[in-house]
PDB file of N, CA and C in Angstrom:
ATOM      1  N   TYR A   1      56.424  79.056  81.750  1.00  0.00           N
ATOM      2  CA  TYR A   1      56.489  78.363  83.017  1.00  0.00           C
ATOM      3  C   TYR A   1      55.384  77.323  83.083  1.00  0.00           C
ATOM      4  N   ASP A   2      55.467  76.439  84.036  1.00  0.00           N
ATOM      5  CA  ASP A   2      54.454  75.410  84.257  1.00  0.00           C
ATOM      6  C   ASP A   2      53.472  75.900  85.307  1.00  0.00           C
ATOM      7  N   ARG A   3      52.207  75.524  85.145  1.00  0.00           N
ATOM      8  CA  ARG A   3      51.219  75.890  86.157  1.00  0.00           C
ATOM      9  C   ARG A   3      50.351  74.680  86.472  1.00  0.00           C
ATOM     10  N   THR A   4      50.120  74.477  87.755  1.00  0.00           N
ATOM     11  CA  THR A   4      49.140  73.501  88.224  1.00  0.00           C
ATOM     12  C   THR A   4      48.060  74.280  88.948  1.00  0.00           C
ATOM     13  N   TYR A   5      46.828  74.004  88.586  1.00  0.00           N
ATOM     14  CA  TYR A   5      45.666  74.704  89.129  1.00  0.00           C
ATOM     15  C   TYR A   5      44.812  73.666  89.846  1.00  0.00           C
ATOM     16  N   ILE A   6      44.564  73.865  91.127  1.00  0.00           N
ATOM     17  CA  ILE A   6      43.675  72.985  91.873  1.00  0.00           C
ATOM     18  C   ILE A   6      42.272  73.570  91.748  1.00  0.00           C
ATOM     19  N   LEU A   7      41.412  72.851  91.061  1.00  0.00           N
ATOM     20  CA  LEU A   7      40.068  73.330  90.748  1.00  0.00           C
ATOM     21  C   LEU A   7      39.052  72.759  91.730  1.00  0.00           C
ATOM     22  N   LEU A   8      38.411  73.661  92.448  1.00  0.00           N
ATOM     23  CA  LEU A   8      37.350  73.298  93.383  1.00  0.00           C
ATOM     24  C   LEU A   8      36.001  73.700  92.802  1.00  0.00           C
ATOM     25  N   HIS A   9      34.973  72.984  93.157  1.00  0.00           N
ATOM     26  CA  HIS A   9      33.616  73.369  92.759  1.00  0.00           C
ATOM     27  C   HIS A   9      33.172  74.549  93.618  1.00  0.00           C
ATOM     28  N   ALA A  10      32.342  75.404  93.059  1.00  0.00           N
ATOM     29  CA  ALA A  10      31.884  76.609  93.767  1.00  0.00           C
ATOM     30  C   ALA A  10      31.137  76.296  95.060  1.00  0.00           C
ATOM     31  N   SER A  11      30.624  75.096  95.192  1.00  0.00           N
ATOM     32  CA  SER A  11      29.867  74.742  96.399  1.00  0.00           C
ATOM     33  C   SER A  11      30.763  74.369  97.581  1.00  0.00           C
ATOM     34  N   THR A  12      32.056  74.232  97.360  1.00  0.00           N
ATOM     35  CA  THR A  12      32.933  73.874  98.474  1.00  0.00           C
ATOM     36  C   THR A  12      33.185  75.087  99.367  1.00  0.00           C
ATOM     37  N   ASP A  13      33.343  74.823 100.641  1.00  0.00           N
ATOM     38  CA  ASP A  13      33.521  75.932 101.581  1.00  0.00           C
ATOM     39  C   ASP A  13      35.001  76.152 101.907  1.00  0.00           C
ATOM     40  N   ASP A  14      35.246  77.095 102.778  1.00  0.00           N
ATOM     41  CA  ASP A  14      36.615  77.490 103.110  1.00  0.00           C
ATOM     42  C   ASP A  14      37.441  76.367 103.727  1.00  0.00           C
ATOM     43  N   ASP A  15      36.790  75.378 104.334  1.00  0.00           N
ATOM     44  CA  ASP A  15      37.534  74.267 104.921  1.00  0.00           C
ATOM     45  C   ASP A  15      38.352  73.525 103.865  1.00  0.00           C
ATOM     46  N   TRP A  16      37.833  73.478 102.637  1.00  0.00           N
ATOM     47  CA  TRP A  16      38.538  72.792 101.554  1.00  0.00           C
ATOM     48  C   TRP A  16      39.770  73.573 101.122  1.00  0.00           C
ATOM     49  N   ILE A  17      39.671  74.888 101.097  1.00  0.00           N
ATOM     50  CA  ILE A  17      40.851  75.696 100.782  1.00  0.00           C
ATOM     51  C   ILE A  17      41.883  75.541 101.894  1.00  0.00           C
ATOM     52  N   GLY A  18      41.417  75.533 103.137  1.00  0.00           N
ATOM     53  CA  GLY A  18      42.326  75.305 104.261  1.00  0.00           C
ATOM     54  C   GLY A  18      43.025  73.962 104.155  1.00  0.00           C
ATOM     55  N   ALA A  19      42.309  72.954 103.685  1.00  0.00           N
ATOM     56  CA  ALA A  19      42.901  71.624 103.511  1.00  0.00           C
ATOM     57  C   ALA A  19      44.034  71.670 102.489  1.00  0.00           C
ATOM     58  N   ILE A  20      43.863  72.482 101.470  1.00  0.00           N
ATOM     59  CA  ILE A  20      44.904  72.603 100.454  1.00  0.00           C
ATOM     60  C   ILE A  20      46.098  73.374 101.002  1.00  0.00           C
ATOM     61  N   THR A  21      45.829  74.519 101.608  1.00  0.00           N
ATOM     62  CA  THR A  21      46.931  75.386 102.039  1.00  0.00           C
ATOM     63  C   THR A  21      47.708  74.840 103.235  1.00  0.00           C
ATOM     64  N   THR A  22      47.160  73.864 103.938  1.00  0.00           N
ATOM     65  CA  THR A  22      47.912  73.242 105.030  1.00  0.00           C
ATOM     66  C   THR A  22      48.631  71.972 104.579  1.00  0.00           C
ATOM     67  N   SER A  23      48.433  71.578 103.330  1.00  0.00           N
ATOM     68  CA  SER A  23      49.114  70.377 102.841  1.00  0.00           C
ATOM     69  C   SER A  23      50.582  70.677 102.558  1.00  0.00           C
ATOM     70  N   GLN A  24      51.407  69.679 102.708  1.00  0.00           N
ATOM     71  CA  GLN A  24      52.835  69.820 102.406  1.00  0.00           C
ATOM     72  C   GLN A  24      53.053  70.081 100.916  1.00  0.00           C
ATOM     73  N   THR A  25      52.216  69.506 100.082  1.00  0.00           N
ATOM     74  CA  THR A  25      52.350  69.707  98.638  1.00  0.00           C
ATOM     75  C   THR A  25      52.157  71.165  98.271  1.00  0.00           C
ATOM     76  N   TRP A  26      51.123  71.798  98.807  1.00  0.00           N
ATOM     77  CA  TRP A  26      50.893  73.203  98.468  1.00  0.00           C
ATOM     78  C   TRP A  26      52.020  74.076  99.027  1.00  0.00           C
ATOM     79  N   ARG A  27      52.495  73.749 100.214  1.00  0.00           N
ATOM     80  CA  ARG A  27      53.587  74.536 100.800  1.00  0.00           C
ATOM     81  C   ARG A  27      54.850  74.478  99.947  1.00  0.00           C
ATOM     82  N   SER A  28      55.095  73.323  99.331  1.00  0.00           N
ATOM     83  CA  SER A  28      56.313  73.199  98.521  1.00  0.00           C
ATOM     84  C   SER A  28      56.093  73.637  97.073  1.00  0.00           C
ATOM     85  N   GLN A  29      54.872  73.544  96.575  1.00  0.00           N
ATOM     86  CA  GLN A  29      54.619  73.831  95.166  1.00  0.00           C
ATOM     87  C   GLN A  29      53.962  75.185  94.901  1.00  0.00           C
ATOM     88  N   ARG A  30      53.145  75.672  95.835  1.00  0.00           N
ATOM     89  CA  ARG A  30      52.404  76.940  95.676  1.00  0.00           C
ATOM     90  C   ARG A  30      51.569  76.955  94.396  1.00  0.00           C
ATOM     91  N   TRP A  31      50.858  75.863  94.177  1.00  0.00           N
ATOM     92  CA  TRP A  31      49.971  75.773  93.032  1.00  0.00           C
ATOM     93  C   TRP A  31      48.844  76.785  93.157  1.00  0.00           C
ATOM     94  N   THR A  32      48.216  77.086  92.046  1.00  0.00           N
ATOM     95  CA  THR A  32      47.081  77.999  92.025  1.00  0.00           C
ATOM     96  C   THR A  32      45.836  77.262  92.501  1.00  0.00           C
ATOM     97  N   ILE A  33      45.004  77.942  93.269  1.00  0.00           N
ATOM     98  CA  ILE A  33      43.750  77.375  93.766  1.00  0.00           C
ATOM     99  C   ILE A  33      42.620  78.261  93.270  1.00  0.00           C
ATOM    100  N   GLY A  34      41.546  77.642  92.778  1.00  0.00           N
ATOM    101  CA  GLY A  34      40.419  78.454  92.343  1.00  0.00           C
ATOM    102  C   GLY A  34      39.194  77.637  92.006  1.00  0.00           C
ATOM    103  N   TYR A  35      38.173  78.349  91.553  1.00  0.00           N
ATOM    104  CA  TYR A  35      36.868  77.759  91.264  1.00  0.00           C
ATOM    105  C   TYR A  35      36.491  77.839  89.788  1.00  0.00           C
ATOM    106  N   SER A  36      37.315  78.443  88.958  1.00  0.00           N
ATOM    107  CA  SER A  36      36.971  78.676  87.560  1.00  0.00           C
ATOM    108  C   SER A  36      37.671  77.682  86.638  1.00  0.00           C
ATOM    109  N   ALA A  37      36.883  76.863  85.951  1.00  0.00           N
ATOM    110  CA  ALA A  37      37.457  75.918  84.995  1.00  0.00           C
ATOM    111  C   ALA A  37      38.133  76.658  83.849  1.00  0.00           C
ATOM    112  N   ASP A  38      37.553  77.771  83.417  1.00  0.00           N
ATOM    113  CA  ASP A  38      38.196  78.557  82.354  1.00  0.00           C
ATOM    114  C   ASP A  38      39.541  79.106  82.812  1.00  0.00           C
ATOM    115  N   ASP A  39      39.598  79.658  84.012  1.00  0.00           N
ATOM    116  CA  ASP A  39      40.869  80.156  84.525  1.00  0.00           C
ATOM    117  C   ASP A  39      41.893  79.020  84.627  1.00  0.00           C
ATOM    118  N   ALA A  40      41.429  77.843  84.976  1.00  0.00           N
ATOM    119  CA  ALA A  40      42.327  76.698  85.106  1.00  0.00           C
ATOM    120  C   ALA A  40      42.912  76.288  83.764  1.00  0.00           C
ATOM    121  N   GLY A  41      42.137  76.393  82.697  1.00  0.00           N
ATOM    122  CA  GLY A  41      42.583  75.903  81.395  1.00  0.00           C
ATOM    123  C   GLY A  41      43.275  76.913  80.515  1.00  0.00           C
ATOM    124  N   ILE A  42      42.970  78.176  80.706  1.00  0.00           N
ATOM    125  CA  ILE A  42      43.446  79.207  79.786  1.00  0.00           C
ATOM    126  C   ILE A  42      44.916  79.542  80.013  1.00  0.00           C
ATOM    127  N   GLY A  43      45.569  79.992  78.971  1.00  0.00           N
ATOM    128  CA  GLY A  43      46.930  80.481  79.105  1.00  0.00           C
ATOM    129  C   GLY A  43      47.869  79.885  78.079  1.00  0.00           C
ATOM    130  N   ASP A  44      48.820  80.673  77.665  1.00  0.00           N
ATOM    131  CA  ASP A  44      49.836  80.232  76.721  1.00  0.00           C
ATOM    132  C   ASP A  44      51.082  79.869  77.518  1.00  0.00           C
ATOM    133  N   LEU A  45      51.002  78.737  78.188  1.00  0.00           N
ATOM    134  CA  LEU A  45      52.070  78.299  79.078  1.00  0.00           C
ATOM    135  C   LEU A  45      52.711  77.038  78.524  1.00  0.00           C
ATOM    136  N   ASP A  46      53.923  76.763  78.950  1.00  0.00           N
ATOM    137  CA  ASP A  46      54.617  75.560  78.498  1.00  0.00           C
ATOM    138  C   ASP A  46      53.880  74.291  78.917  1.00  0.00           C
ATOM    139  N   ARG A  47      53.353  74.311  80.121  1.00  0.00           N
ATOM    140  CA  ARG A  47      52.644  73.127  80.639  1.00  0.00           C
ATOM    141  C   ARG A  47      51.534  73.600  81.554  1.00  0.00           C
ATOM    142  N   ARG A  48      50.326  73.118  81.276  1.00  0.00           N
ATOM    143  CA  ARG A  48      49.176  73.434  82.130  1.00  0.00           C
ATOM    144  C   ARG A  48      48.592  72.132  82.644  1.00  0.00           C
ATOM    145  N   ARG A  49      48.424  72.084  83.944  1.00  0.00           N
ATOM    146  CA  ARG A  49      47.819  70.910  84.567  1.00  0.00           C
ATOM    147  C   ARG A  49      46.720  71.388  85.498  1.00  0.00           C
ATOM    148  N   VAL A  50      45.612  70.664  85.486  1.00  0.00           N
ATOM    149  CA  VAL A  50      44.488  70.955  86.368  1.00  0.00           C
ATOM    150  C   VAL A  50      44.217  69.708  87.206  1.00  0.00           C
ATOM    151  N   ILE A  51      44.117  69.915  88.501  1.00  0.00           N
ATOM    152  CA  ILE A  51      43.697  68.838  89.401  1.00  0.00           C
ATOM    153  C   ILE A  51      42.281  69.185  89.836  1.00  0.00           C
ATOM    154  N   VAL A  52      41.319  68.419  89.355  1.00  0.00           N
ATOM    155  CA  VAL A  52      39.905  68.658  89.655  1.00  0.00           C
ATOM    156  C   VAL A  52      39.553  67.878  90.918  1.00  0.00           C
ATOM    157  N   VAL A  53      39.203  68.606  91.964  1.00  0.00           N
ATOM    158  CA  VAL A  53      38.807  67.972  93.220  1.00  0.00           C
ATOM    159  C   VAL A  53      37.325  67.643  93.148  1.00  0.00           C
ATOM    160  N   ASN A  54      36.999  66.390  93.386  1.00  0.00           N
ATOM    161  CA  ASN A  54      35.624  65.889  93.377  1.00  0.00           C
ATOM    162  C   ASN A  54      34.887  66.260  92.086  1.00  0.00           C
ATOM    163  N   PRO A  55      35.328  65.703  90.958  1.00  0.00           N
ATOM    164  CA  PRO A  55      34.735  66.065  89.665  1.00  0.00           C
ATOM    165  C   PRO A  55      33.248  65.762  89.556  1.00  0.00           C
ATOM    166  N   SER A  56      32.739  64.858  90.360  1.00  0.00           N
ATOM    167  CA  SER A  56      31.308  64.513  90.280  1.00  0.00           C
ATOM    168  C   SER A  56      30.402  65.654  90.750  1.00  0.00           C
ATOM    169  N   LEU A  57      30.960  66.662  91.403  1.00  0.00           N
ATOM    170  CA  LEU A  57      30.143  67.801  91.845  1.00  0.00           C
ATOM    171  C   LEU A  57      29.698  68.693  90.696  1.00  0.00           C
ATOM    172  N   TRP A  58      30.367  68.618  89.563  1.00  0.00           N
ATOM    173  CA  TRP A  58      30.050  69.486  88.433  1.00  0.00           C
ATOM    174  C   TRP A  58      28.808  68.965  87.714  1.00  0.00           C
ATOM    175  N   ALA A  59      27.855  69.853  87.445  1.00  0.00           N
ATOM    176  CA  ALA A  59      26.607  69.473  86.764  1.00  0.00           C
ATOM    177  C   ALA A  59      26.901  68.917  85.375  1.00  0.00           C
ATOM    178  N   ASP A  60      27.722  69.616  84.616  1.00  0.00           N
ATOM    179  CA  ASP A  60      28.182  69.108  83.327  1.00  0.00           C
ATOM    180  C   ASP A  60      29.465  68.336  83.591  1.00  0.00           C
ATOM    181  N   PRO A  61      29.606  67.169  83.010  1.00  0.00           N
ATOM    182  CA  PRO A  61      30.842  66.410  83.246  1.00  0.00           C
ATOM    183  C   PRO A  61      32.074  67.247  82.896  1.00  0.00           C
ATOM    184  N   ILE A  62      32.918  67.464  83.866  1.00  0.00           N
ATOM    185  CA  ILE A  62      34.035  68.396  83.722  1.00  0.00           C
ATOM    186  C   ILE A  62      35.165  67.844  82.852  1.00  0.00           C
ATOM    187  N   LEU A  63      35.389  66.549  82.855  1.00  0.00           N
ATOM    188  CA  LEU A  63      36.486  66.000  82.061  1.00  0.00           C
ATOM    189  C   LEU A  63      36.239  66.152  80.558  1.00  0.00           C
ATOM    190  N   PRO A  64      35.056  65.790  80.049  1.00  0.00           N
ATOM    191  CA  PRO A  64      34.804  66.043  78.621  1.00  0.00           C
ATOM    192  C   PRO A  64      34.830  67.541  78.282  1.00  0.00           C
ATOM    193  N   TRP A  65      34.432  68.378  79.227  1.00  0.00           N
ATOM    194  CA  TRP A  65      34.461  69.818  79.008  1.00  0.00           C
ATOM    195  C   TRP A  65      35.895  70.275  78.747  1.00  0.00           C
ATOM    196  N   PHE A  66      36.830  69.822  79.578  1.00  0.00           N
ATOM    197  CA  PHE A  66      38.230  70.173  79.365  1.00  0.00           C
ATOM    198  C   PHE A  66      38.749  69.610  78.042  1.00  0.00           C
ATOM    199  N   GLU A  67      38.373  68.369  77.721  1.00  0.00           N
ATOM    200  CA  GLU A  67      38.822  67.765  76.469  1.00  0.00           C
ATOM    201  C   GLU A  67      38.368  68.590  75.265  1.00  0.00           C
ATOM    202  N   PHE A  68      37.174  69.150  75.328  1.00  0.00           N
ATOM    203  CA  PHE A  68      36.639  69.943  74.228  1.00  0.00           C
ATOM    204  C   PHE A  68      37.272  71.336  74.165  1.00  0.00           C
ATOM    205  N   TRP A  69      37.286  72.059  75.290  1.00  0.00           N
ATOM    206  CA  TRP A  69      37.721  73.455  75.291  1.00  0.00           C
ATOM    207  C   TRP A  69      39.228  73.638  75.453  1.00  0.00           C
ATOM    208  N   TYR A  70      39.870  72.750  76.181  1.00  0.00           N
ATOM    209  CA  TYR A  70      41.304  72.877  76.466  1.00  0.00           C
ATOM    210  C   TYR A  70      41.977  71.508  76.312  1.00  0.00           C
ATOM    211  N   PRO A  71      42.001  70.969  75.096  1.00  0.00           N
ATOM    212  CA  PRO A  71      42.500  69.595  74.907  1.00  0.00           C
ATOM    213  C   PRO A  71      43.975  69.416  75.257  1.00  0.00           C
ATOM    214  N   GLU A  72      44.748  70.477  75.278  1.00  0.00           N
ATOM    215  CA  GLU A  72      46.176  70.360  75.568  1.00  0.00           C
ATOM    216  C   GLU A  72      46.492  70.387  77.060  1.00  0.00           C
ATOM    217  N   VAL A  73      45.489  70.596  77.883  1.00  0.00           N
ATOM    218  CA  VAL A  73      45.686  70.655  79.326  1.00  0.00           C
ATOM    219  C   VAL A  73      45.704  69.236  79.903  1.00  0.00           C
ATOM    220  N   ILE A  74      46.644  68.999  80.797  1.00  0.00           N
ATOM    221  CA  ILE A  74      46.697  67.725  81.517  1.00  0.00           C
ATOM    222  C   ILE A  74      45.697  67.824  82.661  1.00  0.00           C
ATOM    223  N   VAL A  75      44.729  66.917  82.683  1.00  0.00           N
ATOM    224  CA  VAL A  75      43.689  66.959  83.710  1.00  0.00           C
ATOM    225  C   VAL A  75      43.787  65.706  84.570  1.00  0.00           C
ATOM    226  N   GLN A  76      43.848  65.922  85.871  1.00  0.00           N
ATOM    227  CA  GLN A  76      43.838  64.834  86.837  1.00  0.00           C
ATOM    228  C   GLN A  76      42.647  65.049  87.761  1.00  0.00           C
ATOM    229  N   THR A  77      42.174  63.990  88.359  1.00  0.00           N
ATOM    230  CA  THR A  77      41.089  64.114  89.321  1.00  0.00           C
ATOM    231  C   THR A  77      41.576  63.654  90.690  1.00  0.00           C
ATOM    232  N   LEU A  78      40.933  64.201  91.692  1.00  0.00           N
ATOM    233  CA  LEU A  78      41.258  63.856  93.066  1.00  0.00           C
ATOM    234  C   LEU A  78      39.949  63.799  93.834  1.00  0.00           C
ATOM    235  N   GLN A  79      39.566  62.619  94.254  1.00  0.00           N
ATOM    236  CA  GLN A  79      38.330  62.419  94.996  1.00  0.00           C
ATOM    237  C   GLN A  79      38.643  62.433  96.485  1.00  0.00           C
ATOM    238  N   ALA A  80      37.891  63.213  97.242  1.00  0.00           N
ATOM    239  CA  ALA A  80      38.065  63.262  98.695  1.00  0.00           C
ATOM    240  C   ALA A  80      36.707  63.481  99.337  1.00  0.00           C
ATOM    241  N   SER A  81      36.423  62.752 100.391  1.00  0.00           N
ATOM    242  CA  SER A  81      35.123  62.862 101.052  1.00  0.00           C
ATOM    243  C   SER A  81      35.100  63.933 102.135  1.00  0.00           C
ATOM    244  N   SER A  82      36.279  64.470 102.480  1.00  0.00           N
ATOM    245  CA  SER A  82      36.352  65.504 103.515  1.00  0.00           C
ATOM    246  C   SER A  82      37.600  66.344 103.275  1.00  0.00           C
ATOM    247  N   PRO A  83      37.651  67.525 103.873  1.00  0.00           N
ATOM    248  CA  PRO A  83      38.868  68.327 103.764  1.00  0.00           C
ATOM    249  C   PRO A  83      40.106  67.599 104.307  1.00  0.00           C
ATOM    250  N   ALA A  84      39.951  66.872 105.385  1.00  0.00           N
ATOM    251  CA  ALA A  84      41.091  66.136 105.947  1.00  0.00           C
ATOM    252  C   ALA A  84      41.615  65.091 104.959  1.00  0.00           C
ATOM    253  N   GLU A  85      40.692  64.413 104.291  1.00  0.00           N
ATOM    254  CA  GLU A  85      41.113  63.430 103.286  1.00  0.00           C
ATOM    255  C   GLU A  85      41.804  64.126 102.111  1.00  0.00           C
ATOM    256  N   LEU A  86      41.340  65.307 101.748  1.00  0.00           N
ATOM    257  CA  LEU A  86      41.986  66.053 100.676  1.00  0.00           C
ATOM    258  C   LEU A  86      43.434  66.376 101.046  1.00  0.00           C
ATOM    259  N   THR A  87      43.668  66.815 102.269  1.00  0.00           N
ATOM    260  CA  THR A  87      45.039  67.090 102.708  1.00  0.00           C
ATOM    261  C   THR A  87      45.904  65.836 102.578  1.00  0.00           C
ATOM    262  N   THR A  88      45.374  64.713 103.024  1.00  0.00           N
ATOM    263  CA  THR A  88      46.116  63.449 102.949  1.00  0.00           C
ATOM    264  C   THR A  88      46.439  63.083 101.510  1.00  0.00           C
ATOM    265  N   ARG A  89      45.464  63.220 100.633  1.00  0.00           N
ATOM    266  CA  ARG A  89      45.673  62.868  99.229  1.00  0.00           C
ATOM    267  C   ARG A  89      46.662  63.826  98.551  1.00  0.00           C
ATOM    268  N   LEU A  90      46.589  65.089  98.873  1.00  0.00           N
ATOM    269  CA  LEU A  90      47.551  66.039  98.316  1.00  0.00           C
ATOM    270  C   LEU A  90      48.959  65.737  98.818  1.00  0.00           C
ATOM    271  N   ASN A  91      49.084  65.407 100.103  1.00  0.00           N
ATOM    272  CA  ASN A  91      50.407  65.072 100.652  1.00  0.00           C
ATOM    273  C   ASN A  91      51.000  63.847  99.971  1.00  0.00           C
ATOM    274  N   ALA A  92      50.151  62.930  99.527  1.00  0.00           N
ATOM    275  CA  ALA A  92      50.628  61.749  98.825  1.00  0.00           C
ATOM    276  C   ALA A  92      51.207  62.104  97.446  1.00  0.00           C
ATOM    277  N   LEU A  93      50.808  63.257  96.906  1.00  0.00           N
ATOM    278  CA  LEU A  93      51.350  63.705  95.614  1.00  0.00           C
ATOM    279  C   LEU A  93      52.740  64.289  95.754  1.00  0.00           C
ATOM    280  N   ASN A  94      53.109  64.703  96.942  1.00  0.00           N
ATOM    281  CA  ASN A  94      54.368  65.423  97.159  1.00  0.00           C
ATOM    282  C   ASN A  94      55.562  64.504  97.080  1.00  0.00           C
TER     283      ASN A  94
END
């Protein structure tokens, strides 16, 4: 099966998860949400995609990390300055 994992940095609070779960995209897709880059990349699946929310929050650059450890994973980034903006940006993906 295909999996899309929305990756949040550990410093984000519950408002960001609420922004995801109230988006139309999450309601229609039921993507996985979490804080672990390893959990996002691991798995013997047909297609793995990770959407990294605010990649600049990661101390180590997260995109090269994925390229090294999980090169077959499709990685996208999504920059949002607030939970409300995250909802808007996710809805634009739907």
